[in-house]
Every structure is written in structure tokens, then in C-alpha cells.
N, C-alpha and C. Protein backbone atom coordinates (compact mmCIF):
# COMPACT_ATOMS: atom_id res chain seq x y z
N LEU A 1 -1.51 23.06 7.18
CA LEU A 1 -2.20 23.64 6.05
C LEU A 1 -1.70 25.04 5.71
N SER A 2 -0.50 25.37 6.16
CA SER A 2 0.03 26.71 5.93
C SER A 2 0.13 27.03 4.45
N TRP A 3 0.23 26.03 3.60
CA TRP A 3 0.32 26.25 2.16
C TRP A 3 -0.96 26.84 1.58
N LEU A 4 -2.08 26.77 2.32
CA LEU A 4 -3.32 27.39 1.83
C LEU A 4 -3.13 28.88 1.58
N ASN A 5 -2.22 29.50 2.34
CA ASN A 5 -1.95 30.93 2.15
C ASN A 5 -1.46 31.22 0.74
N THR A 6 -0.85 30.25 0.09
CA THR A 6 -0.25 30.47 -1.22
C THR A 6 -1.26 30.34 -2.35
N ILE A 7 -2.43 29.83 -2.07
CA ILE A 7 -3.43 29.64 -3.11
C ILE A 7 -4.04 30.98 -3.48
N LYS A 8 -3.98 31.29 -4.75
CA LYS A 8 -4.57 32.53 -5.25
C LYS A 8 -5.89 32.18 -5.93
N CYS A 9 -6.96 32.65 -5.38
CA CYS A 9 -8.26 32.35 -5.97
C CYS A 9 -9.18 33.55 -5.77
N ASP A 10 -9.34 34.32 -6.82
CA ASP A 10 -10.20 35.50 -6.74
C ASP A 10 -11.64 35.12 -6.42
N ASP A 11 -12.00 33.89 -6.76
CA ASP A 11 -13.38 33.45 -6.57
C ASP A 11 -13.74 33.20 -5.11
N LEU A 12 -12.73 33.18 -4.19
CA LEU A 12 -13.05 32.95 -2.79
C LEU A 12 -13.93 34.07 -2.23
N ASN A 13 -13.83 35.26 -2.82
CA ASN A 13 -14.68 36.37 -2.40
C ASN A 13 -16.09 36.25 -2.96
N LYS A 14 -16.24 35.42 -3.97
CA LYS A 14 -17.55 35.20 -4.60
C LYS A 14 -17.77 33.69 -4.72
N PRO A 15 -18.20 33.07 -3.63
CA PRO A 15 -18.35 31.60 -3.63
C PRO A 15 -19.20 31.06 -4.78
N GLU A 16 -20.16 31.85 -5.24
CA GLU A 16 -21.01 31.37 -6.34
C GLU A 16 -20.22 31.19 -7.63
N ASN A 17 -19.04 31.83 -7.73
CA ASN A 17 -18.19 31.70 -8.92
C ASN A 17 -17.13 30.61 -8.78
N MET A 18 -17.05 30.00 -7.60
CA MET A 18 -16.03 28.99 -7.39
C MET A 18 -16.36 27.72 -8.16
N PRO A 19 -15.35 27.09 -8.77
CA PRO A 19 -15.60 25.80 -9.42
C PRO A 19 -16.13 24.80 -8.40
N SER A 20 -17.02 23.93 -8.82
CA SER A 20 -17.65 22.99 -7.89
C SER A 20 -16.66 22.01 -7.27
N ASN A 21 -15.50 21.82 -7.90
CA ASN A 21 -14.53 20.86 -7.38
C ASN A 21 -13.38 21.53 -6.61
N THR A 22 -13.56 22.76 -6.19
CA THR A 22 -12.51 23.50 -5.49
C THR A 22 -12.01 22.74 -4.27
N PHE A 23 -12.91 22.25 -3.45
CA PHE A 23 -12.50 21.60 -2.21
C PHE A 23 -11.99 20.19 -2.45
N GLU A 24 -12.46 19.54 -3.51
CA GLU A 24 -11.88 18.26 -3.90
C GLU A 24 -10.42 18.46 -4.30
N LYS A 25 -10.14 19.55 -5.01
CA LYS A 25 -8.77 19.85 -5.41
C LYS A 25 -7.90 20.16 -4.19
N LEU A 26 -8.46 20.90 -3.23
CA LEU A 26 -7.72 21.17 -1.99
C LEU A 26 -7.37 19.86 -1.27
N SER A 27 -8.34 18.98 -1.16
CA SER A 27 -8.14 17.69 -0.51
C SER A 27 -7.08 16.88 -1.25
N GLU A 28 -7.16 16.86 -2.56
CA GLU A 28 -6.20 16.10 -3.36
C GLU A 28 -4.79 16.68 -3.22
N GLU A 29 -4.66 17.99 -3.25
CA GLU A 29 -3.36 18.64 -3.10
C GLU A 29 -2.75 18.32 -1.73
N TYR A 30 -3.57 18.37 -0.70
CA TYR A 30 -3.09 18.06 0.65
C TYR A 30 -2.62 16.61 0.75
N ARG A 31 -3.42 15.71 0.22
CA ARG A 31 -3.04 14.29 0.23
C ARG A 31 -1.74 14.06 -0.54
N ASN A 32 -1.57 14.75 -1.65
CA ASN A 32 -0.33 14.64 -2.43
C ASN A 32 0.87 15.11 -1.62
N ARG A 33 0.69 16.19 -0.88
CA ARG A 33 1.78 16.69 -0.03
C ARG A 33 2.10 15.68 1.08
N LEU A 34 1.07 15.05 1.63
CA LEU A 34 1.30 14.03 2.66
C LEU A 34 2.05 12.82 2.10
N GLU A 35 1.70 12.43 0.88
CA GLU A 35 2.37 11.29 0.25
C GLU A 35 3.87 11.53 0.17
N LYS A 36 4.27 12.76 -0.09
CA LYS A 36 5.69 13.09 -0.20
C LYS A 36 6.40 12.98 1.15
N ILE A 37 5.64 13.19 2.23
CA ILE A 37 6.22 13.11 3.57
C ILE A 37 6.25 11.66 4.04
N ASN A 38 5.08 11.05 4.06
CA ASN A 38 4.97 9.68 4.54
C ASN A 38 3.54 9.21 4.30
N SER A 39 3.39 8.11 3.63
CA SER A 39 2.04 7.66 3.26
C SER A 39 1.58 6.42 4.02
N LYS A 40 2.37 5.96 5.00
CA LYS A 40 2.01 4.69 5.62
C LYS A 40 1.00 4.81 6.77
N TYR A 41 0.69 6.02 7.20
CA TYR A 41 -0.22 6.18 8.33
C TYR A 41 -1.65 6.38 7.87
N GLN A 42 -2.57 5.77 8.61
CA GLN A 42 -4.00 5.90 8.28
C GLN A 42 -4.55 7.24 8.77
N TYR A 43 -4.00 7.76 9.88
CA TYR A 43 -4.47 9.01 10.46
C TYR A 43 -3.28 9.97 10.59
N ILE A 44 -3.55 11.23 10.41
CA ILE A 44 -2.50 12.24 10.61
C ILE A 44 -3.05 13.34 11.50
N THR A 45 -2.14 14.05 12.12
CA THR A 45 -2.49 15.21 12.94
C THR A 45 -1.71 16.38 12.40
N ASP A 46 -2.40 17.43 12.03
CA ASP A 46 -1.75 18.65 11.54
C ASP A 46 -1.93 19.70 12.63
N LYS A 47 -0.84 20.05 13.29
CA LYS A 47 -0.92 20.92 14.47
C LYS A 47 -0.38 22.32 14.21
N MET A 48 -0.40 22.76 12.99
CA MET A 48 0.09 24.11 12.71
C MET A 48 -0.75 25.13 13.50
N PRO A 49 -0.08 26.08 14.14
CA PRO A 49 -0.79 27.02 15.03
C PRO A 49 -1.91 27.83 14.36
N LEU A 50 -1.78 28.11 13.08
CA LEU A 50 -2.79 28.95 12.42
C LEU A 50 -3.89 28.15 11.74
N ASN A 51 -3.92 26.84 11.93
CA ASN A 51 -4.97 26.02 11.31
C ASN A 51 -6.38 26.45 11.74
N PHE A 52 -6.50 27.06 12.89
CA PHE A 52 -7.84 27.44 13.36
C PHE A 52 -8.54 28.38 12.38
N MET A 53 -7.76 29.12 11.60
CA MET A 53 -8.36 30.04 10.63
C MET A 53 -8.93 29.29 9.44
N TRP A 54 -8.51 28.06 9.23
CA TRP A 54 -8.88 27.29 8.04
C TRP A 54 -9.90 26.20 8.33
N ILE A 55 -10.49 26.17 9.50
CA ILE A 55 -11.37 25.05 9.86
C ILE A 55 -12.55 24.91 8.88
N GLY A 56 -13.11 25.99 8.43
CA GLY A 56 -14.19 25.91 7.44
C GLY A 56 -13.73 25.21 6.17
N PHE A 57 -12.55 25.59 5.68
CA PHE A 57 -11.99 24.94 4.50
C PHE A 57 -11.67 23.47 4.78
N ILE A 58 -11.11 23.21 5.96
CA ILE A 58 -10.76 21.83 6.33
C ILE A 58 -12.01 20.95 6.28
N LYS A 59 -13.10 21.42 6.86
CA LYS A 59 -14.32 20.60 6.90
C LYS A 59 -14.94 20.44 5.52
N LEU A 60 -14.78 21.43 4.64
CA LEU A 60 -15.30 21.28 3.28
C LEU A 60 -14.42 20.32 2.46
N ALA A 61 -13.12 20.38 2.67
CA ALA A 61 -12.21 19.51 1.92
C ALA A 61 -12.15 18.10 2.51
N PHE A 62 -12.32 18.01 3.85
CA PHE A 62 -12.26 16.73 4.56
C PHE A 62 -13.46 16.62 5.49
N PRO A 63 -14.62 16.30 4.96
CA PRO A 63 -15.84 16.28 5.79
C PRO A 63 -15.78 15.37 7.02
N LYS A 64 -14.95 14.34 6.99
CA LYS A 64 -14.84 13.42 8.12
C LYS A 64 -13.81 13.87 9.15
N ALA A 65 -13.14 14.97 8.90
CA ALA A 65 -12.07 15.44 9.80
C ALA A 65 -12.63 15.76 11.18
N LYS A 66 -11.86 15.41 12.20
CA LYS A 66 -12.17 15.78 13.58
C LYS A 66 -11.28 16.96 13.94
N ILE A 67 -11.86 17.92 14.60
CA ILE A 67 -11.11 19.09 15.05
C ILE A 67 -10.86 18.94 16.55
N ILE A 68 -9.60 18.83 16.91
CA ILE A 68 -9.22 18.70 18.32
C ILE A 68 -8.63 20.03 18.75
N HIS A 69 -9.29 20.64 19.70
CA HIS A 69 -8.88 21.96 20.19
C HIS A 69 -8.30 21.80 21.59
N CYS A 70 -7.00 21.93 21.69
CA CYS A 70 -6.33 21.82 22.99
C CYS A 70 -6.31 23.21 23.63
N VAL A 71 -7.07 23.36 24.69
CA VAL A 71 -7.24 24.65 25.37
C VAL A 71 -6.27 24.72 26.55
N ARG A 72 -5.52 25.79 26.60
CA ARG A 72 -4.50 25.96 27.63
C ARG A 72 -4.77 27.26 28.38
N ASN A 73 -4.27 27.37 29.60
CA ASN A 73 -4.37 28.63 30.33
C ASN A 73 -3.92 29.76 29.40
N LYS A 74 -4.75 30.79 29.28
CA LYS A 74 -4.47 31.82 28.27
C LYS A 74 -3.14 32.53 28.49
N LEU A 75 -2.78 32.77 29.73
CA LEU A 75 -1.50 33.45 29.97
C LEU A 75 -0.32 32.53 29.68
N ASP A 76 -0.41 31.27 30.06
CA ASP A 76 0.65 30.32 29.72
C ASP A 76 0.77 30.17 28.20
N ASN A 77 -0.37 30.11 27.54
CA ASN A 77 -0.38 29.97 26.10
C ASN A 77 0.31 31.16 25.44
N CYS A 78 -0.09 32.36 25.82
CA CYS A 78 0.48 33.56 25.22
C CYS A 78 1.97 33.69 25.54
N LEU A 79 2.35 33.38 26.76
CA LEU A 79 3.76 33.47 27.13
C LEU A 79 4.59 32.46 26.33
N SER A 80 4.05 31.28 26.14
CA SER A 80 4.74 30.27 25.34
C SER A 80 4.95 30.74 23.91
N ILE A 81 3.95 31.38 23.35
CA ILE A 81 4.06 31.92 21.99
C ILE A 81 5.07 33.06 21.96
N TYR A 82 4.97 33.95 22.92
CA TYR A 82 5.80 35.16 22.96
C TYR A 82 7.29 34.83 23.06
N LYS A 83 7.64 33.79 23.78
CA LYS A 83 9.06 33.49 24.02
C LYS A 83 9.71 32.73 22.86
N ASN A 84 8.94 32.34 21.85
CA ASN A 84 9.50 31.60 20.72
C ASN A 84 9.73 32.49 19.51
N TYR A 85 10.71 32.12 18.72
CA TYR A 85 10.94 32.76 17.43
C TYR A 85 10.39 31.83 16.37
N PHE A 86 9.46 32.32 15.58
CA PHE A 86 8.85 31.52 14.53
C PHE A 86 9.49 31.86 13.20
N VAL A 87 9.93 30.84 12.49
CA VAL A 87 10.63 31.07 11.23
C VAL A 87 9.68 31.34 10.07
N ARG A 88 8.44 30.96 10.20
CA ARG A 88 7.46 31.17 9.12
C ARG A 88 6.74 32.50 9.29
N ASP A 89 6.33 33.04 8.15
CA ASP A 89 5.51 34.25 8.19
C ASP A 89 4.15 33.91 8.79
N GLY A 90 3.43 34.93 9.20
CA GLY A 90 2.09 34.73 9.74
C GLY A 90 2.05 34.74 11.25
N ASN A 91 3.20 34.88 11.89
CA ASN A 91 3.24 34.88 13.35
C ASN A 91 3.81 36.17 13.92
N LYS A 92 3.77 37.23 13.16
CA LYS A 92 4.35 38.50 13.62
C LYS A 92 3.63 39.05 14.85
N TYR A 93 2.39 38.71 15.01
CA TYR A 93 1.63 39.12 16.20
C TYR A 93 2.30 38.63 17.49
N SER A 94 3.10 37.58 17.38
CA SER A 94 3.67 36.93 18.57
C SER A 94 4.81 37.71 19.22
N TYR A 95 5.29 38.77 18.58
CA TYR A 95 6.43 39.51 19.12
C TYR A 95 6.03 40.78 19.86
N ASP A 96 4.73 41.01 19.99
CA ASP A 96 4.23 42.20 20.68
C ASP A 96 3.09 41.73 21.59
N LEU A 97 3.22 41.98 22.88
CA LEU A 97 2.23 41.45 23.83
C LEU A 97 0.83 41.98 23.60
N ILE A 98 0.70 43.24 23.21
CA ILE A 98 -0.64 43.79 22.95
C ILE A 98 -1.25 43.12 21.72
N GLU A 99 -0.46 43.00 20.65
CA GLU A 99 -0.95 42.32 19.44
C GLU A 99 -1.26 40.86 19.73
N LEU A 100 -0.42 40.24 20.52
CA LEU A 100 -0.63 38.84 20.90
C LEU A 100 -1.95 38.68 21.66
N GLY A 101 -2.21 39.56 22.59
CA GLY A 101 -3.47 39.50 23.34
C GLY A 101 -4.68 39.67 22.44
N LYS A 102 -4.61 40.61 21.50
CA LYS A 102 -5.72 40.82 20.56
C LYS A 102 -5.92 39.59 19.67
N PHE A 103 -4.80 39.07 19.17
CA PHE A 103 -4.87 37.90 18.30
C PHE A 103 -5.43 36.70 19.06
N TYR A 104 -5.02 36.52 20.30
CA TYR A 104 -5.51 35.42 21.12
C TYR A 104 -7.02 35.52 21.30
N ASN A 105 -7.52 36.71 21.57
CA ASN A 105 -8.97 36.89 21.74
C ASN A 105 -9.73 36.60 20.44
N LEU A 106 -9.16 36.99 19.31
CA LEU A 106 -9.78 36.66 18.01
C LEU A 106 -9.82 35.14 17.81
N TYR A 107 -8.71 34.50 18.15
CA TYR A 107 -8.63 33.04 18.04
C TYR A 107 -9.70 32.37 18.90
N ILE A 108 -9.84 32.79 20.15
CA ILE A 108 -10.84 32.19 21.05
C ILE A 108 -12.25 32.37 20.50
N ASN A 109 -12.55 33.58 20.02
CA ASN A 109 -13.88 33.84 19.45
C ASN A 109 -14.14 32.97 18.22
N LEU A 110 -13.13 32.83 17.37
CA LEU A 110 -13.31 32.01 16.18
C LEU A 110 -13.49 30.53 16.54
N MET A 111 -12.75 30.05 17.53
CA MET A 111 -12.90 28.66 17.94
C MET A 111 -14.29 28.40 18.54
N LYS A 112 -14.82 29.35 19.27
CA LYS A 112 -16.19 29.21 19.79
C LYS A 112 -17.18 29.12 18.63
N PHE A 113 -16.96 29.93 17.61
CA PHE A 113 -17.81 29.91 16.42
C PHE A 113 -17.76 28.53 15.76
N TRP A 114 -16.54 28.02 15.49
CA TRP A 114 -16.41 26.72 14.83
C TRP A 114 -17.06 25.62 15.67
N ASP A 115 -16.94 25.72 16.97
CA ASP A 115 -17.53 24.72 17.86
C ASP A 115 -19.05 24.68 17.70
N THR A 116 -19.67 25.83 17.47
CA THR A 116 -21.13 25.85 17.27
C THR A 116 -21.52 25.35 15.88
N ILE A 117 -20.65 25.53 14.90
CA ILE A 117 -20.94 25.10 13.53
C ILE A 117 -20.73 23.59 13.35
N PHE A 118 -19.69 23.06 13.98
CA PHE A 118 -19.34 21.64 13.84
C PHE A 118 -19.30 20.92 15.19
N PRO A 119 -20.39 20.94 15.96
CA PRO A 119 -20.33 20.39 17.32
C PRO A 119 -20.01 18.89 17.39
N LYS A 120 -20.41 18.12 16.40
CA LYS A 120 -20.17 16.67 16.43
C LYS A 120 -18.73 16.32 16.07
N ASP A 121 -18.05 17.22 15.41
CA ASP A 121 -16.68 16.94 14.96
C ASP A 121 -15.64 17.79 15.69
N PHE A 122 -16.06 18.44 16.74
CA PHE A 122 -15.19 19.36 17.46
C PHE A 122 -15.00 18.85 18.88
N TYR A 123 -13.75 18.75 19.32
CA TYR A 123 -13.48 18.25 20.66
C TYR A 123 -12.52 19.19 21.37
N ASN A 124 -12.95 19.74 22.49
CA ASN A 124 -12.10 20.60 23.32
C ASN A 124 -11.47 19.75 24.42
N ILE A 125 -10.16 19.88 24.56
CA ILE A 125 -9.45 19.16 25.61
C ILE A 125 -8.56 20.15 26.35
N SER A 126 -8.55 20.06 27.65
CA SER A 126 -7.74 20.95 28.48
C SER A 126 -6.30 20.44 28.53
N TYR A 127 -5.39 21.29 28.17
CA TYR A 127 -3.96 20.96 28.22
C TYR A 127 -3.56 20.55 29.64
N GLU A 128 -3.98 21.34 30.60
CA GLU A 128 -3.62 21.07 32.00
C GLU A 128 -4.20 19.74 32.47
N SER A 129 -5.45 19.44 32.10
CA SER A 129 -6.07 18.16 32.47
C SER A 129 -5.35 17.00 31.80
N LEU A 130 -4.96 17.18 30.56
CA LEU A 130 -4.24 16.14 29.83
C LEU A 130 -2.91 15.83 30.50
N ILE A 131 -2.21 16.86 30.94
CA ILE A 131 -0.92 16.65 31.60
C ILE A 131 -1.11 15.97 32.96
N LYS A 132 -2.13 16.39 33.69
CA LYS A 132 -2.35 15.85 35.04
C LYS A 132 -2.97 14.45 35.03
N ASN A 133 -3.79 14.14 34.02
CA ASN A 133 -4.48 12.86 33.97
C ASN A 133 -4.47 12.34 32.53
N GLN A 134 -3.29 12.01 32.07
CA GLN A 134 -3.09 11.67 30.67
C GLN A 134 -3.95 10.50 30.20
N LYS A 135 -4.02 9.44 30.96
CA LYS A 135 -4.75 8.27 30.50
C LYS A 135 -6.24 8.56 30.33
N LYS A 136 -6.86 9.14 31.33
CA LYS A 136 -8.30 9.44 31.27
C LYS A 136 -8.61 10.37 30.10
N GLU A 137 -7.82 11.44 29.97
CA GLU A 137 -8.08 12.42 28.91
C GLU A 137 -7.82 11.83 27.53
N THR A 138 -6.80 10.98 27.43
CA THR A 138 -6.51 10.35 26.14
C THR A 138 -7.61 9.39 25.73
N ILE A 139 -8.13 8.63 26.69
CA ILE A 139 -9.25 7.72 26.41
C ILE A 139 -10.45 8.52 25.90
N ASN A 140 -10.77 9.64 26.57
CA ASN A 140 -11.90 10.48 26.14
C ASN A 140 -11.67 11.06 24.75
N LEU A 141 -10.44 11.47 24.47
CA LEU A 141 -10.11 12.02 23.15
C LEU A 141 -10.29 10.96 22.07
N LEU A 142 -9.78 9.77 22.33
CA LEU A 142 -9.91 8.68 21.35
C LEU A 142 -11.37 8.33 21.10
N LEU A 143 -12.16 8.30 22.17
CA LEU A 143 -13.59 8.04 22.01
C LEU A 143 -14.25 9.09 21.11
N ALA A 144 -13.90 10.35 21.33
CA ALA A 144 -14.46 11.44 20.53
C ALA A 144 -14.08 11.31 19.06
N CYS A 145 -12.92 10.71 18.81
CA CYS A 145 -12.45 10.53 17.43
C CYS A 145 -12.85 9.19 16.83
N GLY A 146 -13.55 8.36 17.62
CA GLY A 146 -13.96 7.06 17.12
C GLY A 146 -12.81 6.08 17.00
N LEU A 147 -11.79 6.25 17.84
CA LEU A 147 -10.62 5.38 17.80
C LEU A 147 -10.55 4.52 19.06
N ASP A 148 -9.90 3.38 18.93
CA ASP A 148 -9.77 2.45 20.05
C ASP A 148 -8.59 2.83 20.93
N TRP A 149 -8.72 2.48 22.21
CA TRP A 149 -7.64 2.69 23.17
C TRP A 149 -6.49 1.74 22.86
N ASN A 150 -5.27 2.25 23.04
CA ASN A 150 -4.07 1.45 22.91
C ASN A 150 -3.09 1.96 23.95
N GLU A 151 -2.53 1.07 24.72
CA GLU A 151 -1.61 1.45 25.80
C GLU A 151 -0.43 2.29 25.29
N SER A 152 -0.06 2.09 24.04
CA SER A 152 1.07 2.84 23.48
C SER A 152 0.79 4.35 23.41
N CYS A 153 -0.46 4.74 23.53
CA CYS A 153 -0.79 6.17 23.54
C CYS A 153 -0.13 6.89 24.71
N LEU A 154 0.12 6.15 25.78
CA LEU A 154 0.77 6.75 26.95
C LEU A 154 2.28 6.87 26.78
N LYS A 155 2.80 6.23 25.75
CA LYS A 155 4.25 6.25 25.51
C LYS A 155 4.54 6.86 24.15
N PHE A 156 3.81 7.89 23.80
CA PHE A 156 3.94 8.54 22.50
C PHE A 156 5.35 9.01 22.21
N TYR A 157 6.11 9.32 23.24
CA TYR A 157 7.44 9.91 23.08
C TYR A 157 8.51 8.90 22.69
N ILE A 158 8.22 7.59 22.72
CA ILE A 158 9.24 6.61 22.36
C ILE A 158 9.06 6.05 20.96
N TYR A 159 7.99 6.42 20.29
CA TYR A 159 7.74 5.89 18.96
C TYR A 159 8.29 6.82 17.90
N HIS A 160 8.88 6.22 16.87
CA HIS A 160 9.43 7.00 15.77
C HIS A 160 8.32 7.35 14.80
N ARG A 161 8.19 8.61 14.53
CA ARG A 161 7.21 9.07 13.56
C ARG A 161 7.68 10.40 13.02
N TYR A 162 7.10 10.79 11.93
CA TYR A 162 7.49 12.04 11.31
C TYR A 162 6.91 13.19 12.12
N ILE A 163 7.77 14.08 12.57
CA ILE A 163 7.33 15.26 13.32
C ILE A 163 8.00 16.47 12.70
N ARG A 164 7.21 17.46 12.37
CA ARG A 164 7.75 18.71 11.86
C ARG A 164 7.11 19.81 12.66
N LYS A 165 7.86 20.41 13.56
CA LYS A 165 7.30 21.46 14.40
C LYS A 165 8.40 22.39 14.86
N GLN A 166 8.03 23.36 15.67
CA GLN A 166 8.97 24.37 16.13
C GLN A 166 10.21 23.76 16.78
N LYS A 167 10.01 22.91 17.75
CA LYS A 167 11.14 22.21 18.38
C LYS A 167 10.62 20.92 18.97
N VAL A 168 11.47 19.91 18.97
CA VAL A 168 11.07 18.61 19.50
C VAL A 168 12.14 18.16 20.48
N SER A 169 11.73 17.83 21.66
CA SER A 169 12.64 17.27 22.64
C SER A 169 11.84 16.34 23.54
N CYS A 170 12.02 15.04 23.34
CA CYS A 170 11.24 14.07 24.12
C CYS A 170 11.60 14.12 25.60
N GLU A 171 12.87 14.43 25.91
CA GLU A 171 13.23 14.56 27.32
C GLU A 171 12.42 15.69 27.94
N TRP A 172 12.30 16.78 27.22
CA TRP A 172 11.52 17.91 27.72
C TRP A 172 10.07 17.49 27.89
N MET A 173 9.55 16.71 26.94
CA MET A 173 8.16 16.27 27.02
C MET A 173 7.93 15.46 28.29
N GLU A 174 8.87 14.62 28.65
CA GLU A 174 8.70 13.76 29.81
C GLU A 174 8.91 14.52 31.12
N ILE A 175 9.89 15.41 31.15
CA ILE A 175 10.31 16.02 32.42
C ILE A 175 9.77 17.44 32.59
N GLY A 176 9.86 18.25 31.55
CA GLY A 176 9.63 19.68 31.70
C GLY A 176 8.21 20.17 31.50
N VAL A 177 7.31 19.31 31.10
CA VAL A 177 5.96 19.76 30.77
C VAL A 177 5.23 20.33 32.00
N MET A 178 5.42 19.74 33.14
CA MET A 178 4.77 20.25 34.35
C MET A 178 5.30 21.65 34.69
N GLU A 179 6.58 21.89 34.40
CA GLU A 179 7.15 23.21 34.68
C GLU A 179 6.54 24.29 33.80
N GLU A 180 6.03 23.91 32.63
CA GLU A 180 5.43 24.88 31.71
C GLU A 180 4.05 25.33 32.16
N MET A 181 3.41 24.55 33.02
CA MET A 181 2.08 24.93 33.50
C MET A 181 2.22 26.05 34.52
N GLU A 182 1.39 27.04 34.40
CA GLU A 182 1.36 28.21 35.28
C GLU A 182 2.68 28.96 35.31
N ARG A 183 3.44 28.87 34.22
CA ARG A 183 4.70 29.60 34.09
C ARG A 183 4.46 31.10 34.11
N PHE A 184 3.26 31.52 33.68
CA PHE A 184 2.94 32.95 33.66
C PHE A 184 3.08 33.58 35.04
N LYS A 185 2.94 32.77 36.10
CA LYS A 185 3.02 33.32 37.45
C LYS A 185 4.38 33.94 37.75
N LEU A 186 5.41 33.50 37.01
CA LEU A 186 6.74 34.08 37.19
C LEU A 186 6.78 35.55 36.76
N SER A 187 5.90 35.91 35.85
CA SER A 187 5.89 37.28 35.35
C SER A 187 4.49 37.90 35.46
N GLU A 188 3.71 37.44 36.43
CA GLU A 188 2.31 37.83 36.57
C GLU A 188 2.13 39.35 36.67
N ASN A 189 2.98 40.03 37.43
CA ASN A 189 2.84 41.48 37.56
C ASN A 189 3.06 42.19 36.23
N PHE A 190 3.92 41.62 35.39
CA PHE A 190 4.21 42.24 34.11
C PHE A 190 3.09 42.02 33.11
N VAL A 191 2.56 40.80 33.04
CA VAL A 191 1.58 40.48 32.01
C VAL A 191 0.16 40.96 32.37
N ASP A 192 -0.08 41.31 33.61
CA ASP A 192 -1.44 41.77 34.00
C ASP A 192 -1.92 42.92 33.15
N LYS A 193 -1.03 43.82 32.75
CA LYS A 193 -1.48 45.01 32.01
C LYS A 193 -1.85 44.68 30.58
N TYR A 194 -1.56 43.47 30.11
CA TYR A 194 -1.88 43.09 28.74
C TYR A 194 -3.14 42.25 28.71
């Protein structure tokens, strides 16, 4: 939903002045963008890192949307962000550890807020638990989303689908994911001050 940043609407500061079909238009625009990418899937997952800021808009435009919040060890999460170069604007906080720490705390507070506002449509899943016990955690996630179990969920890395993200490497997904857990311990003395 990064394109939401491009929408200019003075009325967002005065909701009473917003046209009644604002969120219908947002939903329609998003669906149109999806059609250009691929329209054959019944469900989509939008994993843009800054989507957490738009959850209120997402729920107004897509009332049936489920919010899946993958929670990771905070130091591993921040280190993973810090070591990447992001080509899109909006991630400048990621190049400074102090700014990154502040931004991470804002993100956590906002996610707690959304969880209280949309408890029935919000699902928190532990990244570490998912990696260690993929089948159990995937079954629980699917139940929370009202979806049926399918064995192919355990082999997500062999199916062809449209993926647009920072980097994709299925070999890394299969082999290197365990190495990414608790990676912060390699630099624990350095990151403690942040």
C-alpha cells in the first residue's frame, strides 16, 4: 500500500469533509493495481514494511481484511532492517540505530493500538515459533484467517507466484533462516547502547 503516500487529500485532516465514497475509491484503486499484477488469486498478502501505519485505512477500505502481525525478536528485527539498503523512500530511519530504535518503539505501540481496535481481525504470530514449529503455527494462522489447511503450505518455497520484495532467495529461505535468529548476539555489546 505504499502508493497511499501519493494520495493528496486535504480532507484527511477533516474527516467530516471527506466524500462518503473515499474508502470505496481506495479499495477500487488497490484492486485495479492488483489486476495489473495478477488477478487469478483469491487471496493476496501485502507485506510492505510500512503497512502498519495504514491499518486504519486498510480496515475501512477492506473491512474483511485480516491483519497478520509477525513479531520477531526486536534486536534481530532491527539488525535485519539496519543491514539492508531500501530503494524506496520512507525507510531513512533504518540507516541510524538511534532513529531505528525510536521508530521500532513507535511501530510496537501502534501495533498494540491496532490490536485493541481490531481484535477479531488481528493475529500476532511469533517469527521464531513459526520457524521452529512451522506446521503448528501455520495451522493456527490459517484458522485465524478462516482458511483450510493444505499440505502445500509447508512447501511455499517451491510454488511459482508473484513476489515483489527486497530480495528473494528460496535457498536462503530453506537453509539460512535459522541462522538469522538471534543474529543480534554477534553484535550484542554494540547494540546494547541503542
